[in-house]
PDB file of all heavy atoms in Angstrom:
ATOM      1  N   MET A   1      86.124 111.654 -98.106  1.00  0.00           N
ATOM      2  CA  MET A   1      87.298 111.777 -98.975  1.00  0.00           C
ATOM      3  C   MET A   1      87.201 110.810-100.144  1.00  0.00           C
ATOM      4  O   MET A   1      87.464 111.140-101.293  1.00  0.00           O
ATOM      5  CB  MET A   1      88.565 111.487 -98.157  1.00  0.00           C
ATOM      6  CG  MET A   1      89.864 111.833 -98.899  1.00  0.00           C
ATOM      7  SD  MET A   1      90.025 113.614 -99.137  1.00  0.00           S
ATOM      8  CE  MET A   1      91.545 113.662-100.072  1.00  0.00           C
ATOM      9  N   GLY A   2      86.775 109.557 -99.837  1.00  0.00           N
ATOM     10  CA  GLY A   2      86.633 108.572-100.893  1.00  0.00           C
ATOM     11  C   GLY A   2      85.558 108.956-101.881  1.00  0.00           C
ATOM     12  O   GLY A   2      85.714 108.775-103.097  1.00  0.00           O
ATOM     13  N   GLU A   3      84.447 109.505-101.363  1.00  0.00           N
ATOM     14  CA  GLU A   3      83.368 109.925-102.249  1.00  0.00           C
ATOM     15  C   GLU A   3      83.812 111.075-103.137  1.00  0.00           C
ATOM     16  O   GLU A   3      83.487 111.125-104.331  1.00  0.00           O
ATOM     17  CB  GLU A   3      82.157 110.334-101.406  1.00  0.00           C
ATOM     18  CG  GLU A   3      80.936 110.715-102.250  1.00  0.00           C
ATOM     19  CD  GLU A   3      79.744 111.055-101.385  1.00  0.00           C
ATOM     20  OE1 GLU A   3      79.789 110.749-100.173  1.00  0.00           O
ATOM     21  OE2 GLU A   3      78.775 111.625-101.924  1.00  0.00           O
ATOM     22  N   HIS A   4      84.579 111.995-102.580  1.00  0.00           N
ATOM     23  CA  HIS A   4      85.099 113.123-103.368  1.00  0.00           C
ATOM     24  C   HIS A   4      86.023 112.624-104.479  1.00  0.00           C
ATOM     25  O   HIS A   4      85.957 113.115-105.614  1.00  0.00           O
ATOM     26  CB  HIS A   4      85.854 114.088-102.450  1.00  0.00           C
ATOM     27  CG  HIS A   4      86.568 115.178-103.197  1.00  0.00           C
ATOM     28  ND1 HIS A   4      85.901 116.223-103.793  1.00  0.00           N
ATOM     29  CD2 HIS A   4      87.909 115.368-103.452  1.00  0.00           C
ATOM     30  CE1 HIS A   4      86.785 117.022-104.375  1.00  0.00           C
ATOM     31  NE2 HIS A   4      88.001 116.523-104.182  1.00  0.00           N
ATOM     32  N   ALA A   5      86.885 111.647-104.156  1.00  0.00           N
ATOM     33  CA  ALA A   5      87.797 111.107-105.164  1.00  0.00           C
ATOM     34  C   ALA A   5      87.021 110.436-106.290  1.00  0.00           C
ATOM     35  O   ALA A   5      87.361 110.562-107.472  1.00  0.00           O
ATOM     36  CB  ALA A   5      88.757 110.106-104.520  1.00  0.00           C
ATOM     37  N   MET A   6      85.939 109.715-105.914  1.00  0.00           N
ATOM     38  CA  MET A   6      85.122 109.047-106.925  1.00  0.00           C
ATOM     39  C   MET A   6      84.482 110.065-107.864  1.00  0.00           C
ATOM     40  O   MET A   6      84.473 109.889-109.090  1.00  0.00           O
ATOM     41  CB  MET A   6      84.046 108.197-106.249  1.00  0.00           C
ATOM     42  CG  MET A   6      84.238 106.712-106.504  1.00  0.00           C
ATOM     43  SD  MET A   6      82.793 105.753-106.016  1.00  0.00           S
ATOM     44  CE  MET A   6      82.586 106.278-104.332  1.00  0.00           C
ATOM     45  N   LEU A   7      83.939 111.110-107.299  1.00  0.00           N
ATOM     46  CA  LEU A   7      83.308 112.138-108.114  1.00  0.00           C
ATOM     47  C   LEU A   7      84.328 112.832-109.014  1.00  0.00           C
ATOM     48  O   LEU A   7      84.032 113.162-110.171  1.00  0.00           O
ATOM     49  CB  LEU A   7      82.627 113.170-107.209  1.00  0.00           C
ATOM     50  CG  LEU A   7      81.365 112.688-106.469  1.00  0.00           C
ATOM     51  CD1 LEU A   7      80.884 113.759-105.486  1.00  0.00           C
ATOM     52  CD2 LEU A   7      80.258 112.360-107.478  1.00  0.00           C
ATOM     53  N   THR A   8      85.528 113.050-108.489  1.00  0.00           N
ATOM     54  CA  THR A   8      86.571 113.697-109.281  1.00  0.00           C
ATOM     55  C   THR A   8      86.971 112.839-110.472  1.00  0.00           C
ATOM     56  O   THR A   8      87.110 113.329-111.604  1.00  0.00           O
ATOM     57  CB  THR A   8      87.808 113.974-108.413  1.00  0.00           C
ATOM     58  OG1 THR A   8      87.421 114.782-107.296  1.00  0.00           O
ATOM     59  CG2 THR A   8      88.871 114.699-109.215  1.00  0.00           C
ATOM     60  N   ILE A   9      87.165 111.548-110.236  1.00  0.00           N
ATOM     61  CA  ILE A   9      87.541 110.637-111.317  1.00  0.00           C
ATOM     62  C   ILE A   9      86.433 110.572-112.370  1.00  0.00           C
ATOM     63  O   ILE A   9      86.699 110.583-113.584  1.00  0.00           O
ATOM     64  CB  ILE A   9      87.841 109.232-110.760  1.00  0.00           C
ATOM     65  CG1 ILE A   9      89.100 109.283-109.884  1.00  0.00           C
ATOM     66  CG2 ILE A   9      88.026 108.220-111.894  1.00  0.00           C
ATOM     67  CD1 ILE A   9      89.378 107.989-109.143  1.00  0.00           C
ATOM     68  N   ALA A  10      85.185 110.517-111.924  1.00  0.00           N
ATOM     69  CA  ALA A  10      84.063 110.495-112.867  1.00  0.00           C
ATOM     70  C   ALA A  10      84.027 111.780-113.685  1.00  0.00           C
ATOM     71  O   ALA A  10      83.780 111.752-114.905  1.00  0.00           O
ATOM     72  CB  ALA A  10      82.748 110.313-112.107  1.00  0.00           C
ATOM     73  N   ALA A  11      84.292 112.916-113.024  1.00  0.00           N
ATOM     74  CA  ALA A  11      84.277 114.199-113.733  1.00  0.00           C
ATOM     75  C   ALA A  11      85.412 114.272-114.749  1.00  0.00           C
ATOM     76  O   ALA A  11      85.236 114.806-115.859  1.00  0.00           O
ATOM     77  CB  ALA A  11      84.393 115.342-112.724  1.00  0.00           C
ATOM     78  N   ILE A  12      86.588 113.740-114.394  1.00  0.00           N
ATOM     79  CA  ILE A  12      87.711 113.728-115.332  1.00  0.00           C
ATOM     80  C   ILE A  12      87.359 112.922-116.576  1.00  0.00           C
ATOM     81  O   ILE A  12      87.624 113.336-117.709  1.00  0.00           O
ATOM     82  CB  ILE A  12      88.971 113.147-114.657  1.00  0.00           C
ATOM     83  CG1 ILE A  12      89.466 114.088-113.557  1.00  0.00           C
ATOM     84  CG2 ILE A  12      90.076 112.900-115.687  1.00  0.00           C
ATOM     85  CD1 ILE A  12      90.591 113.502-112.723  1.00  0.00           C
ATOM     86  N   THR A  13      86.743 111.763-116.350  1.00  0.00           N
ATOM     87  CA  THR A  13      86.350 110.917-117.483  1.00  0.00           C
ATOM     88  C   THR A  13      85.326 111.626-118.360  1.00  0.00           C
ATOM     89  O   THR A  13      85.407 111.586-119.600  1.00  0.00           O
ATOM     90  CB  THR A  13      85.765 109.591-116.971  1.00  0.00           C
ATOM     91  OG1 THR A  13      86.688 108.977-116.074  1.00  0.00           O
ATOM     92  CG2 THR A  13      85.485 108.646-118.119  1.00  0.00           C
ATOM     93  N   LEU A  14      84.368 112.291-117.725  1.00  0.00           N
ATOM     94  CA  LEU A  14      83.338 113.014-118.476  1.00  0.00           C
ATOM     95  C   LEU A  14      83.945 114.171-119.261  1.00  0.00           C
ATOM     96  O   LEU A  14      83.629 114.383-120.438  1.00  0.00           O
ATOM     97  CB  LEU A  14      82.266 113.526-117.515  1.00  0.00           C
ATOM     98  CG  LEU A  14      81.070 114.239-118.162  1.00  0.00           C
ATOM     99  CD1 LEU A  14      80.317 113.291-119.084  1.00  0.00           C
ATOM    100  CD2 LEU A  14      80.145 114.791-117.087  1.00  0.00           C
ATOM    101  N   LEU A  15      84.830 114.934-118.619  1.00  0.00           N
ATOM    102  CA  LEU A  15      85.493 116.039-119.309  1.00  0.00           C
ATOM    103  C   LEU A  15      86.340 115.527-120.477  1.00  0.00           C
ATOM    104  O   LEU A  15      86.368 116.131-121.553  1.00  0.00           O
ATOM    105  CB  LEU A  15      86.376 116.813-118.324  1.00  0.00           C
ATOM    106  CG  LEU A  15      85.663 117.706-117.307  1.00  0.00           C
ATOM    107  CD1 LEU A  15      86.659 118.240-116.285  1.00  0.00           C
ATOM    108  CD2 LEU A  15      84.959 118.853-118.012  1.00  0.00           C
ATOM    109  N   GLY A  16      87.038 114.412-120.246  1.00  0.00           N
ATOM    110  CA  GLY A  16      87.853 113.835-121.311  1.00  0.00           C
ATOM    111  C   GLY A  16      87.013 113.391-122.493  1.00  0.00           C
ATOM    112  O   GLY A  16      87.383 113.614-123.654  1.00  0.00           O
ATOM    113  N   GLY A  17      85.860 112.772-122.201  1.00  0.00           N
ATOM    114  CA  GLY A  17      84.961 112.377-123.285  1.00  0.00           C
ATOM    115  C   GLY A  17      84.449 113.574-124.067  1.00  0.00           C
ATOM    116  O   GLY A  17      84.342 113.529-125.301  1.00  0.00           O
ATOM    117  N   ALA A  18      84.155 114.657-123.352  1.00  0.00           N
ATOM    118  CA  ALA A  18      83.694 115.876-124.022  1.00  0.00           C
ATOM    119  C   ALA A  18      84.794 116.451-124.914  1.00  0.00           C
ATOM    120  O   ALA A  18      84.528 116.934-126.023  1.00  0.00           O
ATOM    121  CB  ALA A  18      83.256 116.910-122.980  1.00  0.00           C
ATOM    122  N   CYS A  19      86.041 116.391-124.441  1.00  0.00           N
ATOM    123  CA  CYS A  19      87.170 116.880-125.249  1.00  0.00           C
ATOM    124  C   CYS A  19      87.339 116.045-126.513  1.00  0.00           C
ATOM    125  O   CYS A  19      87.582 116.583-127.600  1.00  0.00           O
ATOM    126  CB  CYS A  19      88.450 116.837-124.427  1.00  0.00           C
ATOM    127  SG  CYS A  19      88.529 118.036-123.081  1.00  0.00           S
ATOM    128  N   GLN A  20      87.226 114.724-126.375  1.00  0.00           N
ATOM    129  CA  GLN A  20      87.348 113.849-127.537  1.00  0.00           C
ATOM    130  C   GLN A  20      86.233 114.129-128.550  1.00  0.00           C
ATOM    131  O   GLN A  20      86.463 114.145-129.763  1.00  0.00           O
ATOM    132  CB  GLN A  20      87.306 112.384-127.097  1.00  0.00           C
ATOM    133  CG  GLN A  20      88.493 111.925-126.260  1.00  0.00           C
ATOM    134  CD  GLN A  20      89.743 111.708-127.088  1.00  0.00           C
ATOM    135  OE1 GLN A  20      89.728 111.818-128.308  1.00  0.00           O
ATOM    136  NE2 GLN A  20      90.837 111.385-126.417  1.00  0.00           N
ATOM    137  N   TRP A  21      85.030 114.336-128.048  1.00  0.00           N
ATOM    138  CA  TRP A  21      83.911 114.633-128.946  1.00  0.00           C
ATOM    139  C   TRP A  21      84.113 115.964-129.662  1.00  0.00           C
ATOM    140  O   TRP A  21      83.876 116.072-130.873  1.00  0.00           O
ATOM    141  CB  TRP A  21      82.610 114.669-128.150  1.00  0.00           C
ATOM    142  CG  TRP A  21      81.413 115.034-128.982  1.00  0.00           C
ATOM    143  CD1 TRP A  21      80.659 114.200-129.764  1.00  0.00           C
ATOM    144  CD2 TRP A  21      80.850 116.343-129.139  1.00  0.00           C
ATOM    145  NE1 TRP A  21      79.659 114.904-130.391  1.00  0.00           N
ATOM    146  CE2 TRP A  21      79.751 116.221-130.030  1.00  0.00           C
ATOM    147  CE3 TRP A  21      81.160 117.601-128.619  1.00  0.00           C
ATOM    148  CZ2 TRP A  21      78.976 117.314-130.400  1.00  0.00           C
ATOM    149  CZ3 TRP A  21      80.389 118.680-128.989  1.00  0.00           C
ATOM    150  CH2 TRP A  21      79.306 118.536-129.867  1.00  0.00           C
ATOM    151  N   LEU A  22      84.552 116.979-128.918  1.00  0.00           N
ATOM    152  CA  LEU A  22      84.775 118.290-129.518  1.00  0.00           C
ATOM    153  C   LEU A  22      85.870 118.215-130.583  1.00  0.00           C
ATOM    154  O   LEU A  22      85.755 118.830-131.654  1.00  0.00           O
ATOM    155  CB  LEU A  22      85.156 119.301-128.427  1.00  0.00           C
ATOM    156  CG  LEU A  22      85.307 120.764-128.863  1.00  0.00           C
ATOM    157  CD1 LEU A  22      84.000 121.287-129.435  1.00  0.00           C
ATOM    158  CD2 LEU A  22      85.761 121.624-127.684  1.00  0.00           C
ATOM    159  N   ALA A  23      86.916 117.457-130.302  1.00  0.00           N
ATOM    160  CA  ALA A  23      87.992 117.295-131.283  1.00  0.00           C
ATOM    161  C   ALA A  23      87.488 116.599-132.538  1.00  0.00           C
ATOM    162  O   ALA A  23      87.871 116.953-133.657  1.00  0.00           O
ATOM    163  CB  ALA A  23      89.136 116.492-130.656  1.00  0.00           C
ATOM    164  N   TRP A  24      86.608 115.609-132.345  1.00  0.00           N
ATOM    165  CA  TRP A  24      86.039 114.903-133.488  1.00  0.00           C
ATOM    166  C   TRP A  24      85.177 115.832-134.329  1.00  0.00           C
ATOM    167  O   TRP A  24      85.240 115.815-135.566  1.00  0.00           O
ATOM    168  CB  TRP A  24      85.207 113.722-132.977  1.00  0.00           C
ATOM    169  CG  TRP A  24      84.340 113.089-134.010  1.00  0.00           C
ATOM    170  CD1 TRP A  24      84.740 112.333-135.084  1.00  0.00           C
ATOM    171  CD2 TRP A  24      82.908 113.162-134.081  1.00  0.00           C
ATOM    172  NE1 TRP A  24      83.647 111.920-135.802  1.00  0.00           N
ATOM    173  CE2 TRP A  24      82.503 112.414-135.226  1.00  0.00           C
ATOM    174  CE3 TRP A  24      81.931 113.770-133.294  1.00  0.00           C
ATOM    175  CZ2 TRP A  24      81.171 112.270-135.589  1.00  0.00           C
ATOM    176  CZ3 TRP A  24      80.603 113.620-133.654  1.00  0.00           C
ATOM    177  CH2 TRP A  24      80.240 112.881-134.790  1.00  0.00           C
ATOM    178  N   ARG A  25      84.395 116.678-133.687  1.00  0.00           N
ATOM    179  CA  ARG A  25      83.520 117.581-134.420  1.00  0.00           C
ATOM    180  C   ARG A  25      84.308 118.640-135.178  1.00  0.00           C
ATOM    181  O   ARG A  25      83.967 118.995-136.308  1.00  0.00           O
ATOM    182  CB  ARG A  25      82.552 118.269-133.452  1.00  0.00           C
ATOM    183  CG  ARG A  25      81.544 117.355-132.811  1.00  0.00           C
ATOM    184  CD  ARG A  25      80.569 116.771-133.815  1.00  0.00           C
ATOM    185  NE  ARG A  25      79.793 117.786-134.511  1.00  0.00           N
ATOM    186  CZ  ARG A  25      78.959 117.538-135.509  1.00  0.00           C
ATOM    187  NH1 ARG A  25      78.808 116.292-135.930  1.00  0.00           N
ATOM    188  NH2 ARG A  25      78.283 118.501-136.090  1.00  0.00           N
ATOM    189  N   LEU A  26      85.380 119.150-134.554  1.00  0.00           N
ATOM    190  CA  LEU A  26      86.159 120.227-135.166  1.00  0.00           C
ATOM    191  C   LEU A  26      87.315 119.708-136.009  1.00  0.00           C
ATOM    192  O   LEU A  26      88.034 120.485-136.640  1.00  0.00           O
ATOM    193  CB  LEU A  26      86.705 121.169-134.084  1.00  0.00           C
ATOM    194  CG  LEU A  26      85.654 121.876-133.224  1.00  0.00           C
ATOM    195  CD1 LEU A  26      86.317 122.771-132.189  1.00  0.00           C
ATOM    196  CD2 LEU A  26      84.697 122.698-134.103  1.00  0.00           C
ATOM    197  N   ARG A  27      87.527 118.373-135.997  1.00  0.00           N
ATOM    198  CA  ARG A  27      88.605 117.740-136.766  1.00  0.00           C
ATOM    199  C   ARG A  27      89.964 118.316-136.391  1.00  0.00           C
ATOM    200  O   ARG A  27      90.793 118.669-137.235  1.00  0.00           O
ATOM    201  CB  ARG A  27      88.366 117.895-138.266  1.00  0.00           C
ATOM    202  CG  ARG A  27      87.070 117.262-138.744  1.00  0.00           C
ATOM    203  CD  ARG A  27      86.951 117.291-140.245  1.00  0.00           C
ATOM    204  NE  ARG A  27      85.647 116.830-140.690  1.00  0.00           N
ATOM    205  CZ  ARG A  27      85.286 116.700-141.956  1.00  0.00           C
ATOM    206  NH1 ARG A  27      86.138 116.996-142.908  1.00  0.00           N
ATOM    207  NH2 ARG A  27      84.076 116.279-142.269  1.00  0.00           N
ATOM    208  N   LEU A  28      90.174 118.434-135.082  1.00  0.00           N
ATOM    209  CA  LEU A  28      91.454 118.889-134.541  1.00  0.00           C
ATOM    210  C   LEU A  28      91.965 117.824-133.581  1.00  0.00           C
ATOM    211  O   LEU A  28      91.193 117.027-133.056  1.00  0.00           O
ATOM    212  CB  LEU A  28      91.289 120.226-133.808  1.00  0.00           C
ATOM    213  CG  LEU A  28      90.983 121.455-134.669  1.00  0.00           C
ATOM    214  CD1 LEU A  28      90.687 122.651-133.784  1.00  0.00           C
ATOM    215  CD2 LEU A  28      92.152 121.770-135.603  1.00  0.00           C
ATOM    216  N   PRO A  29      93.277 117.792-133.331  1.00  0.00           N
ATOM    217  CA  PRO A  29      93.809 116.799-132.395  1.00  0.00           C
ATOM    218  C   PRO A  29      93.185 116.939-131.009  1.00  0.00           C
ATOM    219  O   PRO A  29      93.082 118.045-130.465  1.00  0.00           O
ATOM    220  CB  PRO A  29      95.309 117.117-132.365  1.00  0.00           C
ATOM    221  CG  PRO A  29      95.579 117.799-133.670  1.00  0.00           C
ATOM    222  CD  PRO A  29      94.340 118.593-133.963  1.00  0.00           C
ATOM    223  N   ALA A  30      92.779 115.819-130.430  1.00  0.00           N
ATOM    224  CA  ALA A  30      92.144 115.849-129.112  1.00  0.00           C
ATOM    225  C   ALA A  30      93.092 116.345-128.036  1.00  0.00           C
ATOM    226  O   ALA A  30      92.657 116.902-127.019  1.00  0.00           O
ATOM    227  CB  ALA A  30      91.630 114.456-128.756  1.00  0.00           C
ATOM    228  N   ILE A  31      94.385 116.147-128.250  1.00  0.00           N
ATOM    229  CA  ILE A  31      95.373 116.559-127.261  1.00  0.00           C
ATOM    230  C   ILE A  31      95.249 118.048-126.941  1.00  0.00           C
ATOM    231  O   ILE A  31      95.462 118.474-125.804  1.00  0.00           O
ATOM    232  CB  ILE A  31      96.792 116.228-127.762  1.00  0.00           C
ATOM    233  CG1 ILE A  31      97.839 116.640-126.741  1.00  0.00           C
ATOM    234  CG2 ILE A  31      97.073 116.872-129.086  1.00  0.00           C
ATOM    235  CD1 ILE A  31      99.262 116.288-127.155  1.00  0.00           C
ATOM    236  N   LEU A  32      94.879 118.843-127.926  1.00  0.00           N
ATOM    237  CA  LEU A  32      94.756 120.291-127.732  1.00  0.00           C
ATOM    238  C   LEU A  32      93.714 120.604-126.662  1.00  0.00           C
ATOM    239  O   LEU A  32      93.967 121.363-125.725  1.00  0.00           O
ATOM    240  CB  LEU A  32      94.391 120.952-129.062  1.00  0.00           C
ATOM    241  CG  LEU A  32      94.155 122.461-129.050  1.00  0.00           C
ATOM    242  CD1 LEU A  32      95.400 123.190-128.605  1.00  0.00           C
ATOM    243  CD2 LEU A  32      93.714 122.935-130.428  1.00  0.00           C
ATOM    244  N   PHE A  33      92.554 119.987-126.763  1.00  0.00           N
ATOM    245  CA  PHE A  33      91.463 120.254-125.820  1.00  0.00           C
ATOM    246  C   PHE A  33      91.716 119.589-124.466  1.00  0.00           C
ATOM    247  O   PHE A  33      91.330 120.120-123.427  1.00  0.00           O
ATOM    248  CB  PHE A  33      90.143 119.777-126.418  1.00  0.00           C
ATOM    249  CG  PHE A  33      89.825 120.410-127.742  1.00  0.00           C
ATOM    250  CD1 PHE A  33      90.058 119.729-128.927  1.00  0.00           C
ATOM    251  CD2 PHE A  33      89.324 121.695-127.804  1.00  0.00           C
ATOM    252  CE1 PHE A  33      89.786 120.315-130.146  1.00  0.00           C
ATOM    253  CE2 PHE A  33      89.048 122.296-129.016  1.00  0.00           C
ATOM    254  CZ  PHE A  33      89.283 121.597-130.196  1.00  0.00           C
ATOM    255  N   LEU A  34      92.371 118.434-124.485  1.00  0.00           N
ATOM    256  CA  LEU A  34      92.696 117.762-123.225  1.00  0.00           C
ATOM    257  C   LEU A  34      93.691 118.578-122.412  1.00  0.00           C
ATOM    258  O   LEU A  34      93.563 118.710-121.188  1.00  0.00           O
ATOM    259  CB  LEU A  34      93.257 116.367-123.507  1.00  0.00           C
ATOM    260  CG  LEU A  34      92.273 115.357-124.113  1.00  0.00           C
ATOM    261  CD1 LEU A  34      93.012 114.104-124.544  1.00  0.00           C
ATOM    262  CD2 LEU A  34      91.179 115.007-123.114  1.00  0.00           C
ATOM    263  N   LEU A  35      94.694 119.122-123.089  1.00  0.00           N
ATOM    264  CA  LEU A  35      95.691 119.944-122.393  1.00  0.00           C
ATOM    265  C   LEU A  35      95.071 121.216-121.822  1.00  0.00           C
ATOM    266  O   LEU A  35      95.334 121.597-120.681  1.00  0.00           O
ATOM    267  CB  LEU A  35      96.832 120.295-123.350  1.00  0.00           C
ATOM    268  CG  LEU A  35      97.777 119.166-123.742  1.00  0.00           C
ATOM    269  CD1 LEU A  35      98.780 119.644-124.782  1.00  0.00           C
ATOM    270  CD2 LEU A  35      98.510 118.618-122.524  1.00  0.00           C
ATOM    271  N   ILE A  36      94.252 121.856-122.632  1.00  0.00           N
ATOM    272  CA  ILE A  36      93.604 123.088-122.164  1.00  0.00           C
ATOM    273  C   ILE A  36      92.717 122.792-120.952  1.00  0.00           C
ATOM    274  O   ILE A  36      92.730 123.525-119.950  1.00  0.00           O
ATOM    275  CB  ILE A  36      92.779 123.719-123.299  1.00  0.00           C
ATOM    276  CG1 ILE A  36      93.703 124.217-124.411  1.00  0.00           C
ATOM    277  CG2 ILE A  36      91.916 124.859-122.764  1.00  0.00           C
ATOM    278  CD1 ILE A  36      92.972 124.724-125.636  1.00  0.00           C
ATOM    279  N   THR A  37      91.966 121.691-121.020  1.00  0.00           N
ATOM    280  CA  THR A  37      91.097 121.311-119.901  1.00  0.00           C
ATOM    281  C   THR A  37      91.911 121.040-118.644  1.00  0.00           C
ATOM    282  O   THR A  37      91.561 121.498-117.543  1.00  0.00           O
ATOM    283  CB  THR A  37      90.273 120.061-120.268  1.00  0.00           C
ATOM    284  OG1 THR A  37      89.467 120.354-121.405  1.00  0.00           O
ATOM    285  CG2 THR A  37      89.387 119.638-119.102  1.00  0.00           C
TER     286      THR A  37
END
């Protein structure tokens, strides 16, 4: 259970970073991609 939680938190951080990068590339608010994700 602890290992699953760790992987989930790491995946959330990775997904969030990808959303921030995509927002930067498209010059759109990051909130849009974070909410959709």
